[in-house]
Amino acid sequence: MIASEASVKGFLADLQVALQEGFYLVPRKKNLESLALTGLTIQEVKDIIQGLTAADYCRGPEEELDPRYPEGDVWLFEVTYLEVQYYVKLKIEDGRVKCLAFHESERWLGHPYR
């Protein structure tokens, strides 16, 4: 689903508030391998996410499909940092940011607001 640009900006505003409450990167193998490969720290990932704009938006909100996690909207972004394109999958859960995915993009997802 493609959200309106106003909806994306609304999510990003909510994201800024939620980042102040907490940030959690799900320790999936792909996420951890990406950090190890790039040398990025959790704080750097949080800073990158804090800098997301509507131009980085790709898709969402989409329904959380993983039964291990509570229901909620999932948003997809791609952002370039130090010449590497990263895939970022986020949701706000219990007032905090949960980063479900942060790793090098494997394919172009498209950016409706660039």
Protein backbone atom coordinates (compact mmCIF):
# COMPACT_ATOMS: atom_id res chain seq x y z
CA MET A 1 0.00 0.00 0.00
CA ILE A 2 1.19 3.51 -0.78
CA ALA A 3 0.22 6.10 1.83
CA SER A 4 -0.35 9.76 1.08
CA GLU A 5 2.63 12.01 1.60
CA ALA A 6 0.77 13.66 4.51
CA SER A 7 0.30 10.23 6.15
CA VAL A 8 3.99 9.44 5.73
CA LYS A 9 4.93 12.77 7.31
CA GLY A 10 2.51 12.02 10.14
CA PHE A 11 4.16 8.66 10.74
CA LEU A 12 7.60 10.28 10.69
CA ALA A 13 6.46 12.84 13.29
CA ASP A 14 5.15 10.00 15.48
CA LEU A 15 8.45 8.19 14.90
CA GLN A 16 10.42 11.14 16.30
CA VAL A 17 8.35 11.06 19.50
CA ALA A 18 8.63 7.26 19.79
CA LEU A 19 12.43 7.38 19.30
CA GLN A 20 12.64 9.52 22.45
CA GLU A 21 10.84 6.75 24.35
CA GLY A 22 13.01 3.93 23.08
CA PHE A 23 14.55 2.10 20.15
CA TYR A 24 14.92 -1.63 19.56
CA LEU A 25 16.64 -3.30 16.62
CA VAL A 26 15.36 -6.86 16.26
CA PRO A 27 18.49 -9.06 16.42
CA ARG A 28 17.76 -11.00 13.23
CA LYS A 29 20.72 -12.61 11.52
CA LYS A 30 20.50 -10.32 8.48
CA ASN A 31 20.42 -7.18 10.67
CA LEU A 32 23.37 -8.29 12.77
CA GLU A 33 25.41 -9.33 9.71
CA SER A 34 24.78 -5.92 8.17
CA LEU A 35 26.03 -4.14 11.28
CA ALA A 36 29.09 -6.36 11.45
CA LEU A 37 29.88 -5.79 7.77
CA THR A 38 29.45 -2.02 7.85
CA GLY A 39 30.71 -1.35 11.36
CA LEU A 40 27.57 0.64 12.15
CA THR A 41 26.52 0.87 15.79
CA ILE A 42 22.96 0.69 17.13
CA GLN A 43 23.21 4.43 17.88
CA GLU A 44 24.19 5.15 14.27
CA VAL A 45 21.23 3.09 13.03
CA LYS A 46 18.96 5.06 15.36
CA ASP A 47 20.44 8.33 14.06
CA ILE A 48 19.89 7.23 10.45
CA ILE A 49 16.27 6.37 11.25
CA GLN A 50 15.82 9.69 13.01
CA GLY A 51 16.85 11.40 9.77
CA LEU A 52 14.31 9.62 7.54
CA THR A 53 12.16 11.81 5.32
CA ALA A 54 9.14 11.25 3.10
CA ALA A 55 11.58 10.95 0.18
CA ASP A 56 12.95 7.75 1.78
CA TYR A 57 9.48 6.18 2.05
CA CYS A 58 8.71 3.10 -0.08
CA ARG A 59 5.54 1.35 1.19
CA GLY A 60 3.17 1.05 4.08
CA PRO A 61 1.44 0.97 6.31
CA GLU A 62 1.21 -2.78 5.93
CA GLU A 63 -0.15 -5.29 8.37
CA GLU A 64 2.33 -7.11 10.64
CA LEU A 65 2.28 -10.67 9.28
CA ASP A 66 4.71 -12.32 11.69
CA PRO A 67 2.61 -14.08 14.37
CA ARG A 68 5.49 -13.73 16.87
CA TYR A 69 4.87 -9.97 17.05
CA PRO A 70 1.85 -7.93 18.10
CA GLU A 71 -0.39 -6.54 15.39
CA GLY A 72 0.47 -3.10 14.10
CA ASP A 73 1.40 -1.08 11.06
CA VAL A 74 4.75 -1.73 9.38
CA TRP A 75 6.39 0.95 7.22
CA LEU A 76 9.17 0.40 4.65
CA PHE A 77 11.91 2.88 3.77
CA GLU A 78 15.17 2.91 1.85
CA VAL A 79 17.88 5.33 2.82
CA THR A 80 21.39 5.95 1.56
CA TYR A 81 24.11 6.29 4.16
CA LEU A 82 27.80 6.49 3.25
CA GLU A 83 26.93 5.47 -0.32
CA VAL A 84 25.14 2.28 0.78
CA GLN A 85 21.39 1.86 0.22
CA TYR A 86 19.68 0.38 3.30
CA TYR A 87 16.31 -1.31 3.58
CA VAL A 88 14.53 -0.19 6.76
CA LYS A 89 11.35 -1.79 8.12
CA LEU A 90 9.80 -0.04 11.11
CA LYS A 91 6.83 -0.07 13.41
CA ILE A 92 5.86 1.79 16.53
CA GLU A 93 5.04 -0.66 19.30
CA ASP A 94 4.17 0.26 22.88
CA GLY A 95 5.18 3.86 22.14
CA ARG A 96 8.71 2.88 21.07
CA VAL A 97 10.35 2.26 17.71
CA LYS A 98 10.92 -1.34 16.72
CA CYS A 99 13.25 -1.76 13.75
CA LEU A 100 12.38 -5.09 12.17
CA ALA A 101 14.93 -4.79 9.37
CA PHE A 102 18.03 -2.72 8.74
CA HIS A 103 20.32 -4.12 6.08
CA GLU A 104 21.64 -3.41 2.62
CA SER A 105 18.83 -3.25 0.05
CA GLU A 106 18.62 -6.25 -2.24
CA ARG A 107 16.39 -4.61 -4.85
CA TRP A 108 14.98 -1.20 -5.66
CA LEU A 109 11.61 -0.68 -3.98
CA GLY A 110 10.72 2.67 -5.50
CA HIS A 111 10.10 5.99 -3.79
CA PRO A 112 6.78 7.66 -4.58
CA TYR A 113 7.77 11.02 -3.03
CA ARG A 114 11.19 11.62 -4.60
